[in-house]
Amino acid sequence: MIKPVLQRERTGCGIASVAAIAGLSYAQVQAIAGSLGISAQDERLWSDTAHVRKLLQHLGVKAGRSEHPFQSWESLPDLALLSIKWHLEKKRPFWHWVVFVRDAKGARVLDPKKSLRRHVRTDFGRIKPKWFIPIVDTRQRIAGHAPKATRG
């Protein structure tokens, strides 16, 4: 089950969202990000998708190749990174990363923003996604970053 991970830095929503998807702590993903030259202070983490994609790939999580425009909550895949609070600053796009999950417990958004009272959100009418990246496969993610053997 995917659980919310809170961002420890004001601009760490990408790191926290990747941590939630990978089942790791913020500190673990922050350290991995640092080893890859990725920092929450780098604006590209929340104005470009390359850094979160690089982190996901490094952790063995397969993401869709492109971003898809948000059309409806029902049309989202069961697991996705969402861009919300999308806006332009000096002609450059910025957004807040959150995770959308649909499973046996229903549909919900895991919002890493530290100041929220509830990080598991179902107030879909208040959340305004711009686009999403589908998370295609998480079977390879485990601590140590190696694929887990499965019995078939």
Protein backbone atom coordinates (compact mmCIF):
# COMPACT_ATOMS: atom_id res chain seq x y z
CA MET A 1 0.00 0.00 0.00
CA ILE A 2 1.33 3.41 -0.93
CA LYS A 3 1.51 5.90 1.93
CA PRO A 4 2.09 9.65 1.81
CA VAL A 5 5.61 10.93 2.36
CA LEU A 6 5.91 14.52 3.57
CA GLN A 7 8.30 16.92 1.96
CA ARG A 8 11.02 18.12 4.32
CA GLU A 9 11.90 21.10 2.19
CA ARG A 10 9.57 23.79 0.90
CA THR A 11 10.30 22.71 -2.67
CA GLY A 12 10.68 18.96 -2.04
CA CYS A 13 7.33 17.78 -3.40
CA GLY A 14 8.97 15.89 -6.29
CA ILE A 15 11.33 14.03 -3.97
CA ALA A 16 8.48 13.22 -1.56
CA SER A 17 6.18 12.01 -4.35
CA VAL A 18 8.87 9.73 -5.77
CA ALA A 19 9.56 8.43 -2.25
CA ALA A 20 5.86 7.56 -1.81
CA ILE A 21 5.76 5.68 -5.13
CA ALA A 22 9.02 3.85 -4.38
CA GLY A 23 8.03 2.99 -0.80
CA LEU A 24 11.05 4.79 0.63
CA SER A 25 11.54 7.62 3.11
CA TYR A 26 12.11 11.23 2.13
CA ALA A 27 15.67 11.04 3.52
CA GLN A 28 16.47 7.95 1.43
CA VAL A 29 15.26 9.51 -1.83
CA GLN A 30 16.83 12.86 -0.95
CA ALA A 31 20.21 11.11 -0.56
CA ILE A 32 19.76 9.23 -3.83
CA ALA A 33 18.73 12.46 -5.56
CA GLY A 34 21.85 14.17 -4.22
CA SER A 35 24.04 11.38 -5.59
CA LEU A 36 22.42 12.00 -9.00
CA GLY A 37 22.97 15.77 -8.81
CA ILE A 38 19.30 16.49 -8.03
CA SER A 39 18.30 18.93 -5.28
CA ALA A 40 14.99 20.34 -4.10
CA GLN A 41 16.49 23.81 -4.53
CA ASP A 42 16.88 23.17 -8.27
CA GLU A 43 13.80 24.71 -9.90
CA ARG A 44 13.88 22.02 -12.59
CA LEU A 45 12.55 19.56 -9.99
CA TRP A 46 9.20 21.38 -10.08
CA SER A 47 9.26 22.99 -13.52
CA ASP A 48 10.52 20.07 -15.61
CA THR A 49 9.88 16.32 -15.51
CA ALA A 50 13.45 15.14 -16.19
CA HIS A 51 14.56 14.98 -12.54
CA VAL A 52 11.58 12.99 -11.24
CA ARG A 53 11.85 10.68 -14.23
CA LYS A 54 15.56 10.16 -13.52
CA LEU A 55 14.81 9.35 -9.87
CA LEU A 56 12.01 6.95 -10.76
CA GLN A 57 14.18 5.17 -13.32
CA HIS A 58 17.08 4.90 -10.87
CA LEU A 59 14.70 3.29 -8.35
CA GLY A 60 13.41 0.77 -10.90
CA VAL A 61 10.01 2.40 -11.30
CA LYS A 62 8.78 2.55 -14.89
CA ALA A 63 6.92 5.74 -15.80
CA GLY A 64 5.03 6.52 -18.99
CA ARG A 65 7.13 8.16 -21.69
CA SER A 66 5.08 11.32 -21.89
CA GLU A 67 2.81 13.59 -19.93
CA HIS A 68 -0.92 13.29 -20.57
CA PRO A 69 -3.44 16.10 -20.17
CA PHE A 70 -5.79 15.58 -17.25
CA GLN A 71 -9.33 14.87 -18.45
CA SER A 72 -11.12 13.28 -15.51
CA TRP A 73 -10.41 11.46 -12.27
CA GLU A 74 -12.07 8.35 -13.67
CA SER A 75 -9.76 8.25 -16.69
CA LEU A 76 -6.54 8.34 -14.64
CA PRO A 77 -4.47 5.15 -14.37
CA ASP A 78 -4.37 3.45 -10.98
CA LEU A 79 -1.05 5.14 -10.15
CA ALA A 80 0.15 8.48 -11.49
CA LEU A 81 2.22 11.54 -10.68
CA LEU A 82 -0.01 14.60 -11.00
CA SER A 83 0.92 18.21 -11.56
CA ILE A 84 -1.38 20.49 -9.59
CA LYS A 85 -1.26 24.21 -8.84
CA TRP A 86 0.23 24.64 -12.31
CA HIS A 87 1.15 28.27 -13.08
CA LEU A 88 3.57 30.41 -15.06
CA GLU A 89 6.29 32.54 -13.49
CA LYS A 90 8.28 34.67 -15.92
CA LYS A 91 6.96 32.52 -18.78
CA ARG A 92 8.19 29.33 -17.10
CA PRO A 93 5.78 26.61 -15.86
CA PHE A 94 5.81 25.51 -12.22
CA TRP A 95 3.63 23.05 -10.34
CA HIS A 96 3.24 20.97 -7.19
CA TRP A 97 3.77 17.20 -7.45
CA VAL A 98 1.25 14.81 -5.86
CA VAL A 99 0.54 11.09 -6.29
CA PHE A 100 -2.81 9.69 -7.45
CA VAL A 101 -3.63 6.16 -6.25
CA ARG A 102 -6.61 3.92 -7.01
CA ASP A 103 -6.73 0.52 -5.27
CA ALA A 104 -8.96 -1.57 -3.01
CA LYS A 105 -9.23 1.41 -0.63
CA GLY A 106 -10.55 3.64 -3.42
CA ALA A 107 -9.17 6.69 -5.22
CA ARG A 108 -7.12 9.29 -3.40
CA VAL A 109 -4.38 11.85 -3.78
CA LEU A 110 -1.28 11.72 -1.60
CA ASP A 111 -0.19 15.32 -1.10
CA PRO A 112 3.28 15.79 0.42
CA LYS A 113 2.73 19.42 1.46
CA LYS A 114 3.81 19.54 5.10
CA SER A 115 1.35 22.20 6.27
CA LEU A 116 -1.76 20.20 5.30
CA ARG A 117 -3.80 18.65 8.09
CA ARG A 118 -4.56 15.62 5.92
CA HIS A 119 -2.14 14.28 3.35
CA VAL A 120 -4.55 11.70 1.97
CA ARG A 121 -6.99 13.76 -0.05
CA THR A 122 -10.33 12.88 -1.61
CA ASP A 123 -11.51 16.46 -2.14
CA PHE A 124 -11.17 16.05 -5.91
CA GLY A 125 -13.28 19.10 -6.69
CA ARG A 126 -10.65 21.33 -5.04
CA ILE A 127 -7.64 19.73 -6.73
CA LYS A 128 -7.01 21.06 -10.23
CA PRO A 129 -4.59 18.77 -12.09
CA LYS A 130 -3.05 20.03 -15.32
CA TRP A 131 -1.47 16.79 -16.54
CA PHE A 132 -0.09 13.49 -15.27
CA ILE A 133 2.64 10.92 -15.78
CA PRO A 134 1.35 7.35 -15.57
CA ILE A 135 3.35 5.00 -13.39
CA VAL A 136 3.41 1.85 -15.45
CA ASP A 137 5.30 -0.66 -13.32
CA THR A 138 6.62 -0.66 -9.76
CA ARG A 139 7.45 -4.37 -9.49
CA GLN A 140 11.20 -3.76 -9.73
CA ARG A 141 11.40 -1.29 -6.85
CA ILE A 142 12.87 -2.52 -3.60
CA ALA A 143 15.40 -1.23 -1.10
CA GLY A 144 18.79 -1.66 -2.65
CA HIS A 145 17.38 -0.78 -6.06
CA ALA A 146 17.54 -4.27 -7.58
CA PRO A 147 14.63 -6.21 -9.09
CA LYS A 148 12.91 -8.57 -6.68
CA ALA A 149 12.79 -12.21 -7.72
CA THR A 150 9.28 -13.53 -8.20
CA ARG A 151 7.97 -17.08 -8.40
CA GLY A 152 5.89 -17.86 -11.38
